[in-house]
């Protein structure tokens, strides 16, 4: 008569009982679905310090914009907002013609962002999923342009815009930056992982054209990365000063060029300059408030894909 070992089962060896398992596996942290890690006091203290450090420049801009020049230059400087905020904002608005400058900045940043998202998504899809001769060499050439300092192209670009007749016009700022190498590389790297070949092949089997594939397959898959790229592009275009300062004139400036006029005098009024800087910051804060959830969702989706 044969006996069956107590450690045997019909399917093979029975796993070790809980008491016999290593202590490391018993003490391992287990998180179920929906559970979150809880931070300790040090975590909250570090977050508070980082948050206050990030908000302090904006708060100091508000404080300086609400006092006069003499009070801003006092030692120690003021730390509580004063009562001249609206007066300084009105002065900055009138001196630098900020109304027209804001409209120009919205046009420039909006056009550059929309064009960058469109062209970079198409180029990123082509480099990521299409097979054509010279794809690797072209991608290498695109990446190589990132190593060229922008200052080297200022003189020939300025001459080109003057020959076309765009000197002093918004077109001279918009068209040279409609597409960037970073955006193409960013979208390519994202679509390599986020867009399976099976979806493209299934769309082709269903008879979809290339335009239909881009509209119904590529753009929905690329939406998280497009939100992040759009945010970065808009902020960069809004804050750009060097090329708009050279390409535009005082009668047709962007917001950053107009703010530069406030501080161009020999003894600029720092309170007025800070008031103008506060005005230029508000549209960016509005963008983050409106699209913050989509931007964070795009960043988290890219992190999960990675």
C-alpha atoms as a PDB file:
ATOM      1  CA  UNK A   1       0.000   0.000   0.000  1.00  0.00           C
ATOM      2  CA  UNK A   2       1.431   3.323  -1.043  1.00  0.00           C
ATOM      3  CA  UNK A   3       0.994   6.499   0.941  1.00  0.00           C
ATOM      4  CA  UNK A   4       0.793  10.003  -0.458  1.00  0.00           C
ATOM      5  CA  UNK A   5       3.098  12.595   1.035  1.00  0.00           C
ATOM      6  CA  UNK A   6       1.191  15.391   2.772  1.00  0.00           C
ATOM      7  CA  UNK A   7       3.066  17.908   0.675  1.00  0.00           C
ATOM      8  CA  UNK A   8       1.826  16.347  -2.558  1.00  0.00           C
ATOM      9  CA  UNK A   9      -1.346  17.333  -4.408  1.00  0.00           C
ATOM     10  CA  UNK A  10      -2.919  16.204  -7.629  1.00  0.00           C
ATOM     11  CA  UNK A  11      -1.354  19.099  -9.431  1.00  0.00           C
ATOM     12  CA  UNK A  12       2.123  18.694  -7.919  1.00  0.00           C
ATOM     13  CA  UNK A  13       3.805  20.104  -4.863  1.00  0.00           C
ATOM     14  CA  UNK A  14       1.662  22.128  -2.524  1.00  0.00           C
ATOM     15  CA  UNK A  15       3.094  25.579  -1.765  1.00  0.00           C
ATOM     16  CA  UNK A  16       4.605  26.079   1.637  1.00  0.00           C
ATOM     17  CA  UNK A  17       2.183  26.989   4.397  1.00  0.00           C
ATOM     18  CA  UNK A  18       2.097  30.605   5.503  1.00  0.00           C
ATOM     19  CA  UNK A  19       4.123  29.851   8.624  1.00  0.00           C
ATOM     20  CA  UNK A  20       6.947  28.381   6.562  1.00  0.00           C
ATOM     21  CA  UNK A  21       7.173  31.263   4.050  1.00  0.00           C
ATOM     22  CA  UNK A  22      10.031  33.710   4.347  1.00  0.00           C
ATOM     23  CA  UNK A  23       9.496  36.637   6.637  1.00  0.00           C
ATOM     24  CA  UNK A  24      10.353  39.064   3.835  1.00  0.00           C
ATOM     25  CA  UNK A  25       7.362  37.971   1.756  1.00  0.00           C
ATOM     26  CA  UNK A  26       5.022  38.175   4.784  1.00  0.00           C
ATOM     27  CA  UNK A  27       6.179  41.715   5.575  1.00  0.00           C
ATOM     28  CA  UNK A  28       5.929  42.946   1.997  1.00  0.00           C
ATOM     29  CA  UNK A  29       3.666  45.968   1.479  1.00  0.00           C
ATOM     30  CA  UNK A  30       0.445  45.061  -0.303  1.00  0.00           C
ATOM     31  CA  UNK A  31      -1.796  47.626  -1.923  1.00  0.00           C
ATOM     32  CA  UNK A  32      -5.156  46.781  -3.373  1.00  0.00           C
ATOM     33  CA  UNK A  33      -6.960  48.521  -6.199  1.00  0.00           C
ATOM     34  CA  UNK A  34      -7.841  52.085  -5.291  1.00  0.00           C
ATOM     35  CA  UNK A  35      -5.530  52.217  -2.284  1.00  0.00           C
ATOM     36  CA  UNK A  36      -2.920  54.960  -2.022  1.00  0.00           C
ATOM     37  CA  UNK A  37       0.332  55.393  -0.177  1.00  0.00           C
ATOM     38  CA  UNK A  38       0.063  57.811   2.734  1.00  0.00           C
ATOM     39  CA  UNK A  39       2.793  60.333   3.356  1.00  0.00           C
ATOM     40  CA  UNK A  40       4.210  61.114   6.745  1.00  0.00           C
ATOM     41  CA  UNK A  41       4.889  64.468   8.411  1.00  0.00           C
ATOM     42  CA  UNK A  42       8.202  64.879   6.604  1.00  0.00           C
ATOM     43  CA  UNK A  43       6.460  64.470   3.234  1.00  0.00           C
ATOM     44  CA  UNK A  44       3.892  67.151   4.023  1.00  0.00           C
ATOM     45  CA  UNK A  45       6.564  69.488   5.377  1.00  0.00           C
ATOM     46  CA  UNK A  46       8.661  69.073   2.217  1.00  0.00           C
ATOM     47  CA  UNK A  47       5.618  69.697  -0.004  1.00  0.00           C
ATOM     48  CA  UNK A  48       4.720  72.841   1.945  1.00  0.00           C
ATOM     49  CA  UNK A  49       8.269  74.200   1.628  1.00  0.00           C
ATOM     50  CA  UNK A  50       8.400  73.473  -2.119  1.00  0.00           C
ATOM     51  CA  UNK A  51       4.946  74.976  -2.660  1.00  0.00           C
ATOM     52  CA  UNK A  52       5.741  78.159  -0.764  1.00  0.00           C
ATOM     53  CA  UNK A  53       9.068  78.490  -2.566  1.00  0.00           C
ATOM     54  CA  UNK A  54       7.301  78.173  -5.922  1.00  0.00           C
ATOM     55  CA  UNK A  55       4.611  80.723  -5.041  1.00  0.00           C
ATOM     56  CA  UNK A  56       6.908  83.300  -3.460  1.00  0.00           C
ATOM     57  CA  UNK A  57       8.113  84.923  -6.757  1.00  0.00           C
ATOM     58  CA  UNK A  58       4.494  85.442  -7.835  1.00  0.00           C
ATOM     59  CA  UNK A  59       3.596  86.808  -4.397  1.00  0.00           C
ATOM     60  CA  UNK A  60       6.571  89.182  -4.420  1.00  0.00           C
ATOM     61  CA  UNK A  61       5.524  90.428  -7.861  1.00  0.00           C
ATOM     62  CA  UNK A  62       2.087  91.195  -6.419  1.00  0.00           C
ATOM     63  CA  UNK A  63       3.603  92.967  -3.401  1.00  0.00           C
ATOM     64  CA  UNK A  64       6.017  95.052  -5.482  1.00  0.00           C
ATOM     65  CA  UNK A  65       3.270  95.962  -7.951  1.00  0.00           C
ATOM     66  CA  UNK A  66       1.087  97.309  -5.151  1.00  0.00           C
ATOM     67  CA  UNK A  67       3.633  99.812  -3.735  1.00  0.00           C
ATOM     68  CA  UNK A  68       5.471 102.815  -5.110  1.00  0.00           C
ATOM     69  CA  UNK A  69       9.099 102.897  -6.234  1.00  0.00           C
ATOM     70  CA  UNK A  70      10.464 104.251  -2.955  1.00  0.00           C
ATOM     71  CA  UNK A  71       8.727 101.644  -0.827  1.00  0.00           C
ATOM     72  CA  UNK A  72       9.907  98.772  -3.039  1.00  0.00           C
ATOM     73  CA  UNK A  73      13.531  99.895  -2.667  1.00  0.00           C
ATOM     74  CA  UNK A  74      13.329 100.255   1.111  1.00  0.00           C
ATOM     75  CA  UNK A  75      15.348  97.988   3.386  1.00  0.00           C
ATOM     76  CA  UNK A  76      13.790  95.767   4.563  1.00  0.00           C
ATOM     77  CA  UNK A  77      11.378  95.548   1.628  1.00  0.00           C
ATOM     78  CA  UNK A  78       7.618  95.264   2.199  1.00  0.00           C
ATOM     79  CA  UNK A  79       6.078  91.815   2.556  1.00  0.00           C
ATOM     80  CA  UNK A  80       2.407  92.813   2.587  1.00  0.00           C
ATOM     81  CA  UNK A  81       0.540  94.131  -0.492  1.00  0.00           C
ATOM     82  CA  UNK A  82      -0.164  97.842  -0.544  1.00  0.00           C
ATOM     83  CA  UNK A  83      -2.914  99.966  -2.037  1.00  0.00           C
ATOM     84  CA  UNK A  84      -1.407 101.096  -5.369  1.00  0.00           C
ATOM     85  CA  UNK A  85      -1.982  97.911  -7.354  1.00  0.00           C
ATOM     86  CA  UNK A  86      -4.685  99.174  -9.708  1.00  0.00           C
ATOM     87  CA  UNK A  87      -2.954 102.526 -10.138  1.00  0.00           C
ATOM     88  CA  UNK A  88       0.315 100.851 -11.150  1.00  0.00           C
ATOM     89  CA  UNK A  89      -1.505  98.429 -13.471  1.00  0.00           C
ATOM     90  CA  UNK A  90      -3.261 101.329 -15.200  1.00  0.00           C
ATOM     91  CA  UNK A  91       0.052 103.192 -15.550  1.00  0.00           C
ATOM     92  CA  UNK A  92       1.810 100.149 -17.028  1.00  0.00           C
ATOM     93  CA  UNK A  93      -1.146  99.521 -19.325  1.00  0.00           C
ATOM     94  CA  UNK A  94      -1.015 103.059 -20.720  1.00  0.00           C
ATOM     95  CA  UNK A  95       2.757 103.434 -20.951  1.00  0.00           C
ATOM     96  CA  UNK A  96       3.451 100.149 -22.777  1.00  0.00           C
ATOM     97  CA  UNK A  97       0.166  99.842 -24.723  1.00  0.00           C
ATOM     98  CA  UNK A  98      -0.363  96.434 -23.179  1.00  0.00           C
ATOM     99  CA  UNK A  99      -3.812  95.968 -24.703  1.00  0.00           C
ATOM    100  CA  UNK A 100      -2.455  95.588 -28.234  1.00  0.00           C
ATOM    101  CA  UNK A 101       0.563  93.678 -26.946  1.00  0.00           C
ATOM    102  CA  UNK A 102      -1.651  91.071 -25.245  1.00  0.00           C
ATOM    103  CA  UNK A 103      -3.696  90.585 -28.416  1.00  0.00           C
ATOM    104  CA  UNK A 104      -0.498  90.137 -30.440  1.00  0.00           C
ATOM    105  CA  UNK A 105       0.888  87.628 -27.927  1.00  0.00           C
ATOM    106  CA  UNK A 106      -2.357  85.624 -27.995  1.00  0.00           C
ATOM    107  CA  UNK A 107      -2.245  85.508 -31.799  1.00  0.00           C
ATOM    108  CA  UNK A 108       1.444  84.554 -31.910  1.00  0.00           C
ATOM    109  CA  UNK A 109       1.323  81.942 -29.141  1.00  0.00           C
ATOM    110  CA  UNK A 110      -1.974  80.481 -30.361  1.00  0.00           C
ATOM    111  CA  UNK A 111      -0.834  80.114 -33.977  1.00  0.00           C
ATOM    112  CA  UNK A 112       2.531  78.642 -33.013  1.00  0.00           C
ATOM    113  CA  UNK A 113       0.936  76.158 -30.599  1.00  0.00           C
ATOM    114  CA  UNK A 114      -1.729  74.992 -33.070  1.00  0.00           C
ATOM    115  CA  UNK A 115       0.771  74.612 -35.915  1.00  0.00           C
ATOM    116  CA  UNK A 116       3.294  72.821 -33.712  1.00  0.00           C
ATOM    117  CA  UNK A 117       0.708  70.296 -32.532  1.00  0.00           C
ATOM    118  CA  UNK A 118      -0.500  69.631 -36.074  1.00  0.00           C
ATOM    119  CA  UNK A 119       2.829  69.318 -37.866  1.00  0.00           C
ATOM    120  CA  UNK A 120       4.749  67.641 -35.052  1.00  0.00           C
ATOM    121  CA  UNK A 121       2.031  65.015 -34.569  1.00  0.00           C
ATOM    122  CA  UNK A 122       2.011  64.182 -38.278  1.00  0.00           C
ATOM    123  CA  UNK A 123       5.801  64.087 -38.468  1.00  0.00           C
ATOM    124  CA  UNK A 124       6.056  62.067 -35.255  1.00  0.00           C
ATOM    125  CA  UNK A 125       3.562  59.517 -36.616  1.00  0.00           C
ATOM    126  CA  UNK A 126       5.463  59.246 -39.880  1.00  0.00           C
ATOM    127  CA  UNK A 127       8.803  58.690 -38.166  1.00  0.00           C
ATOM    128  CA  UNK A 128       7.316  56.285 -35.617  1.00  0.00           C
ATOM    129  CA  UNK A 129       5.082  54.011 -37.700  1.00  0.00           C
ATOM    130  CA  UNK A 130       5.713  54.538 -41.413  1.00  0.00           C
ATOM    131  CA  UNK A 131       8.444  52.798 -43.398  1.00  0.00           C
ATOM    132  CA  UNK A 132      10.181  54.874 -46.055  1.00  0.00           C
ATOM    133  CA  UNK A 133      13.659  55.237 -47.442  1.00  0.00           C
ATOM    134  CA  UNK A 134      15.960  57.535 -45.490  1.00  0.00           C
ATOM    135  CA  UNK A 135      13.784  57.616 -42.381  1.00  0.00           C
ATOM    136  CA  UNK A 136      16.715  57.151 -39.998  1.00  0.00           C
ATOM    137  CA  UNK A 137      18.872  59.763 -41.738  1.00  0.00           C
ATOM    138  CA  UNK A 138      16.049  62.309 -41.732  1.00  0.00           C
ATOM    139  CA  UNK A 139      15.354  61.726 -38.046  1.00  0.00           C
ATOM    140  CA  UNK A 140      19.039  62.153 -37.283  1.00  0.00           C
ATOM    141  CA  UNK A 141      19.063  65.440 -39.199  1.00  0.00           C
ATOM    142  CA  UNK A 142      16.022  66.652 -37.257  1.00  0.00           C
ATOM    143  CA  UNK A 143      17.643  65.835 -33.916  1.00  0.00           C
ATOM    144  CA  UNK A 144      20.927  67.431 -35.049  1.00  0.00           C
ATOM    145  CA  UNK A 145      19.171  70.789 -35.446  1.00  0.00           C
ATOM    146  CA  UNK A 146      18.710  70.853 -31.670  1.00  0.00           C
ATOM    147  CA  UNK A 147      22.457  71.296 -31.280  1.00  0.00           C
ATOM    148  CA  UNK A 148      22.527  74.509 -33.347  1.00  0.00           C
ATOM    149  CA  UNK A 149      22.264  77.657 -31.170  1.00  0.00           C
ATOM    150  CA  UNK A 150      19.307  79.833 -32.220  1.00  0.00           C
ATOM    151  CA  UNK A 151      21.542  82.915 -32.209  1.00  0.00           C
ATOM    152  CA  UNK A 152      23.382  81.623 -35.291  1.00  0.00           C
ATOM    153  CA  UNK A 153      20.245  81.891 -37.426  1.00  0.00           C
ATOM    154  CA  UNK A 154      19.237  85.382 -36.339  1.00  0.00           C
ATOM    155  CA  UNK A 155      21.071  87.333 -39.052  1.00  0.00           C
ATOM    156  CA  UNK A 156      20.007  85.232 -42.087  1.00  0.00           C
ATOM    157  CA  UNK A 157      16.475  84.917 -40.683  1.00  0.00           C
ATOM    158  CA  UNK A 158      16.199  88.673 -40.203  1.00  0.00           C
ATOM    159  CA  UNK A 159      17.422  89.271 -43.766  1.00  0.00           C
ATOM    160  CA  UNK A 160      14.946  86.694 -45.094  1.00  0.00           C
ATOM    161  CA  UNK A 161      11.996  88.302 -43.285  1.00  0.00           C
ATOM    162  CA  UNK A 162      13.026  91.735 -44.589  1.00  0.00           C
ATOM    163  CA  UNK A 163      13.260  90.466 -48.178  1.00  0.00           C
ATOM    164  CA  UNK A 164       9.802  88.909 -47.934  1.00  0.00           C
ATOM    165  CA  UNK A 165       8.386  92.156 -46.572  1.00  0.00           C
ATOM    166  CA  UNK A 166       7.473  90.873 -43.128  1.00  0.00           C
ATOM    167  CA  UNK A 167       9.738  93.198 -41.161  1.00  0.00           C
ATOM    168  CA  UNK A 168       7.904  94.431 -38.070  1.00  0.00           C
ATOM    169  CA  UNK A 169       4.907  92.121 -38.693  1.00  0.00           C
ATOM    170  CA  UNK A 170       3.648  89.211 -36.627  1.00  0.00           C
ATOM    171  CA  UNK A 171       4.244  86.832 -39.529  1.00  0.00           C
ATOM    172  CA  UNK A 172       7.993  87.211 -39.002  1.00  0.00           C
ATOM    173  CA  UNK A 173       7.597  85.752 -35.487  1.00  0.00           C
ATOM    174  CA  UNK A 174       5.009  83.076 -36.289  1.00  0.00           C
ATOM    175  CA  UNK A 175       6.267  81.357 -39.435  1.00  0.00           C
ATOM    176  CA  UNK A 176       9.879  80.572 -38.394  1.00  0.00           C
ATOM    177  CA  UNK A 177       8.585  78.631 -35.364  1.00  0.00           C
ATOM    178  CA  UNK A 178       5.602  76.745 -36.797  1.00  0.00           C
ATOM    179  CA  UNK A 179       7.350  73.410 -36.187  1.00  0.00           C
ATOM    180  CA  UNK A 180      10.232  72.442 -33.931  1.00  0.00           C
ATOM    181  CA  UNK A 181      12.626  69.527 -33.766  1.00  0.00           C
ATOM    182  CA  UNK A 182      11.848  68.894 -30.103  1.00  0.00           C
ATOM    183  CA  UNK A 183       8.145  68.506 -30.855  1.00  0.00           C
ATOM    184  CA  UNK A 184       8.807  66.026 -33.656  1.00  0.00           C
ATOM    185  CA  UNK A 185      11.116  63.961 -31.456  1.00  0.00           C
ATOM    186  CA  UNK A 186       8.720  64.115 -28.506  1.00  0.00           C
ATOM    187  CA  UNK A 187       5.720  62.918 -30.516  1.00  0.00           C
ATOM    188  CA  UNK A 188       7.743  60.198 -32.226  1.00  0.00           C
ATOM    189  CA  UNK A 189       8.932  58.762 -28.929  1.00  0.00           C
ATOM    190  CA  UNK A 190       5.411  58.776 -27.511  1.00  0.00           C
ATOM    191  CA  UNK A 191       3.731  57.206 -30.544  1.00  0.00           C
ATOM    192  CA  UNK A 192       6.310  54.432 -30.705  1.00  0.00           C
ATOM    193  CA  UNK A 193       4.816  52.960 -27.508  1.00  0.00           C
ATOM    194  CA  UNK A 194       1.301  54.384 -27.381  1.00  0.00           C
ATOM    195  CA  UNK A 195       0.146  53.464 -30.889  1.00  0.00           C
ATOM    196  CA  UNK A 196       0.190  49.706 -31.697  1.00  0.00           C
ATOM    197  CA  UNK A 197       0.669  48.615 -35.282  1.00  0.00           C
ATOM    198  CA  UNK A 198      -2.411  46.421 -34.911  1.00  0.00           C
ATOM    199  CA  UNK A 199      -4.703  49.461 -34.740  1.00  0.00           C
ATOM    200  CA  UNK A 200      -3.253  50.881 -37.945  1.00  0.00           C
ATOM    201  CA  UNK A 201      -3.487  47.541 -39.748  1.00  0.00           C
ATOM    202  CA  UNK A 202      -7.078  47.063 -38.582  1.00  0.00           C
ATOM    203  CA  UNK A 203      -8.003  50.495 -39.911  1.00  0.00           C
ATOM    204  CA  UNK A 204      -6.395  49.679 -43.254  1.00  0.00           C
ATOM    205  CA  UNK A 205      -8.292  46.400 -43.453  1.00  0.00           C
ATOM    206  CA  UNK A 206     -11.524  48.325 -42.896  1.00  0.00           C
ATOM    207  CA  UNK A 207     -10.623  50.499 -45.904  1.00  0.00           C
ATOM    208  CA  UNK A 208      -9.655  53.667 -44.042  1.00  0.00           C
ATOM    209  CA  UNK A 209      -7.489  56.170 -45.892  1.00  0.00           C
ATOM    210  CA  UNK A 210      -4.355  57.716 -44.400  1.00  0.00           C
ATOM    211  CA  UNK A 211      -6.254  60.877 -43.472  1.00  0.00           C
ATOM    212  CA  UNK A 212      -8.972  58.815 -41.778  1.00  0.00           C
ATOM    213  CA  UNK A 213      -6.347  56.821 -39.886  1.00  0.00           C
ATOM    214  CA  UNK A 214      -4.704  59.997 -38.635  1.00  0.00           C
ATOM    215  CA  UNK A 215      -8.021  61.530 -37.573  1.00  0.00           C
ATOM    216  CA  UNK A 216      -9.631  58.466 -35.961  1.00  0.00           C
ATOM    217  CA  UNK A 217      -6.630  56.468 -34.728  1.00  0.00           C
ATOM    218  CA  UNK A 218      -3.499  58.595 -34.397  1.00  0.00           C
ATOM    219  CA  UNK A 219      -4.939  61.772 -32.870  1.00  0.00           C
ATOM    220  CA  UNK A 220      -6.936  60.010 -30.104  1.00  0.00           C
ATOM    221  CA  UNK A 221      -3.858  57.981 -29.162  1.00  0.00           C
ATOM    222  CA  UNK A 222      -1.606  61.046 -29.229  1.00  0.00           C
ATOM    223  CA  UNK A 223      -3.938  63.356 -27.275  1.00  0.00           C
ATOM    224  CA  UNK A 224      -2.139  63.057 -23.892  1.00  0.00           C
ATOM    225  CA  UNK A 225       1.235  63.898 -25.421  1.00  0.00           C
ATOM    226  CA  UNK A 226      -0.324  66.696 -27.457  1.00  0.00           C
ATOM    227  CA  UNK A 227      -1.631  68.343 -24.285  1.00  0.00           C
ATOM    228  CA  UNK A 228       1.839  68.336 -22.743  1.00  0.00           C
ATOM    229  CA  UNK A 229       3.510  69.562 -25.927  1.00  0.00           C
ATOM    230  CA  UNK A 230       0.862  72.250 -26.356  1.00  0.00           C
ATOM    231  CA  UNK A 231       1.463  73.530 -22.836  1.00  0.00           C
ATOM    232  CA  UNK A 232       5.235  73.673 -23.298  1.00  0.00           C
ATOM    233  CA  UNK A 233       4.930  75.342 -26.695  1.00  0.00           C
ATOM    234  CA  UNK A 234       2.423  77.952 -25.545  1.00  0.00           C
ATOM    235  CA  UNK A 235       4.502  78.917 -22.510  1.00  0.00           C
ATOM    236  CA  UNK A 236       7.667  79.176 -24.603  1.00  0.00           C
ATOM    237  CA  UNK A 237       5.974  81.255 -27.309  1.00  0.00           C
ATOM    238  CA  UNK A 238       4.306  83.509 -24.745  1.00  0.00           C
ATOM    239  CA  UNK A 239       7.556  84.199 -22.889  1.00  0.00           C
ATOM    240  CA  UNK A 240       9.787  84.504 -25.965  1.00  0.00           C
ATOM    241  CA  UNK A 241      11.606  87.830 -26.033  1.00  0.00           C
ATOM    242  CA  UNK A 242      14.805  87.588 -28.079  1.00  0.00           C
ATOM    243  CA  UNK A 243      13.488  87.033 -31.610  1.00  0.00           C
ATOM    244  CA  UNK A 244      10.281  89.134 -31.252  1.00  0.00           C
ATOM    245  CA  UNK A 245      12.434  91.990 -29.920  1.00  0.00           C
ATOM    246  CA  UNK A 246      14.521  91.902 -33.111  1.00  0.00           C
ATOM    247  CA  UNK A 247      11.715  91.199 -35.579  1.00  0.00           C
ATOM    248  CA  UNK A 248       9.017  93.571 -34.300  1.00  0.00           C
ATOM    249  CA  UNK A 249       8.906  97.296 -33.598  1.00  0.00           C
ATOM    250  CA  UNK A 250       7.447  99.425 -30.802  1.00  0.00           C
ATOM    251  CA  UNK A 251       4.225 100.031 -32.736  1.00  0.00           C
ATOM    252  CA  UNK A 252       3.438  96.319 -33.064  1.00  0.00           C
ATOM    253  CA  UNK A 253       5.021  94.482 -30.090  1.00  0.00           C
ATOM    254  CA  UNK A 254       4.250  91.284 -28.288  1.00  0.00           C
ATOM    255  CA  UNK A 255       3.715  91.402 -24.543  1.00  0.00           C
ATOM    256  CA  UNK A 256       7.306  90.603 -23.593  1.00  0.00           C
ATOM    257  CA  UNK A 257       8.646  93.245 -25.980  1.00  0.00           C
ATOM    258  CA  UNK A 258       6.229  95.796 -24.518  1.00  0.00           C
ATOM    259  CA  UNK A 259       7.362  94.921 -21.002  1.00  0.00           C
ATOM    260  CA  UNK A 260      10.941  95.454 -22.109  1.00  0.00           C
ATOM    261  CA  UNK A 261      10.020  99.029 -22.991  1.00  0.00           C
ATOM    262  CA  UNK A 262       8.930  99.637 -19.380  1.00  0.00           C
ATOM    263  CA  UNK A 263      12.406  98.820 -18.097  1.00  0.00           C
ATOM    264  CA  UNK A 264      14.325 100.467 -20.950  1.00  0.00           C
ATOM    265  CA  UNK A 265      14.715 103.841 -19.257  1.00  0.00           C
ATOM    266  CA  UNK A 266      17.793 104.801 -17.254  1.00  0.00           C
ATOM    267  CA  UNK A 267      15.946 104.603 -13.928  1.00  0.00           C
ATOM    268  CA  UNK A 268      12.895 102.375 -14.478  1.00  0.00           C
ATOM    269  CA  UNK A 269      10.083 102.384 -11.939  1.00  0.00           C
ATOM    270  CA  UNK A 270      10.243  98.867 -10.504  1.00  0.00           C
ATOM    271  CA  UNK A 271       6.676  98.970  -9.233  1.00  0.00           C
ATOM    272  CA  UNK A 272       5.386  99.710 -12.750  1.00  0.00           C
ATOM    273  CA  UNK A 273       7.597  96.989 -14.219  1.00  0.00           C
ATOM    274  CA  UNK A 274       6.268  94.492 -11.662  1.00  0.00           C
ATOM    275  CA  UNK A 275       2.710  95.510 -12.457  1.00  0.00           C
ATOM    276  CA  UNK A 276       3.334  94.765 -16.120  1.00  0.00           C
ATOM    277  CA  UNK A 277       4.967  91.443 -15.222  1.00  0.00           C
ATOM    278  CA  UNK A 278       1.900  90.557 -13.151  1.00  0.00           C
ATOM    279  CA  UNK A 279      -0.345  91.259 -16.137  1.00  0.00           C
ATOM    280  CA  UNK A 280       1.781  89.022 -18.352  1.00  0.00           C
ATOM    281  CA  UNK A 281       1.545  86.165 -15.827  1.00  0.00           C
ATOM    282  CA  UNK A 282      -2.249  86.126 -15.511  1.00  0.00           C
ATOM    283  CA  UNK A 283      -2.986  84.588 -18.966  1.00  0.00           C
ATOM    284  CA  UNK A 284      -0.615  81.695 -18.227  1.00  0.00           C
ATOM    285  CA  UNK A 285      -2.323  81.082 -14.899  1.00  0.00           C
ATOM    286  CA  UNK A 286      -5.673  81.117 -16.703  1.00  0.00           C
ATOM    287  CA  UNK A 287      -4.436  78.475 -19.141  1.00  0.00           C
ATOM    288  CA  UNK A 288      -3.302  76.238 -16.283  1.00  0.00           C
ATOM    289  CA  UNK A 289      -6.632  76.667 -14.479  1.00  0.00           C
ATOM    290  CA  UNK A 290      -8.696  75.787 -17.569  1.00  0.00           C
ATOM    291  CA  UNK A 291      -6.539  72.964 -18.953  1.00  0.00           C
ATOM    292  CA  UNK A 292      -4.800  71.828 -15.761  1.00  0.00           C
ATOM    293  CA  UNK A 293      -6.672  68.527 -15.500  1.00  0.00           C
ATOM    294  CA  UNK A 294      -5.961  67.624 -19.137  1.00  0.00           C
ATOM    295  CA  UNK A 295      -2.293  68.595 -18.812  1.00  0.00           C
ATOM    296  CA  UNK A 296      -1.784  66.525 -15.667  1.00  0.00           C
ATOM    297  CA  UNK A 297      -3.676  63.647 -17.262  1.00  0.00           C
ATOM    298  CA  UNK A 298      -1.381  63.801 -20.281  1.00  0.00           C
ATOM    299  CA  UNK A 299       1.726  63.783 -18.103  1.00  0.00           C
ATOM    300  CA  UNK A 300       0.459  60.813 -16.083  1.00  0.00           C
ATOM    301  CA  UNK A 301      -0.542  58.929 -19.236  1.00  0.00           C
ATOM    302  CA  UNK A 302       2.956  59.445 -20.642  1.00  0.00           C
ATOM    303  CA  UNK A 303       4.468  58.219 -17.373  1.00  0.00           C
ATOM    304  CA  UNK A 304       2.301  55.074 -17.416  1.00  0.00           C
ATOM    305  CA  UNK A 305       3.226  54.408 -21.050  1.00  0.00           C
ATOM    306  CA  UNK A 306       6.912  54.751 -20.142  1.00  0.00           C
END
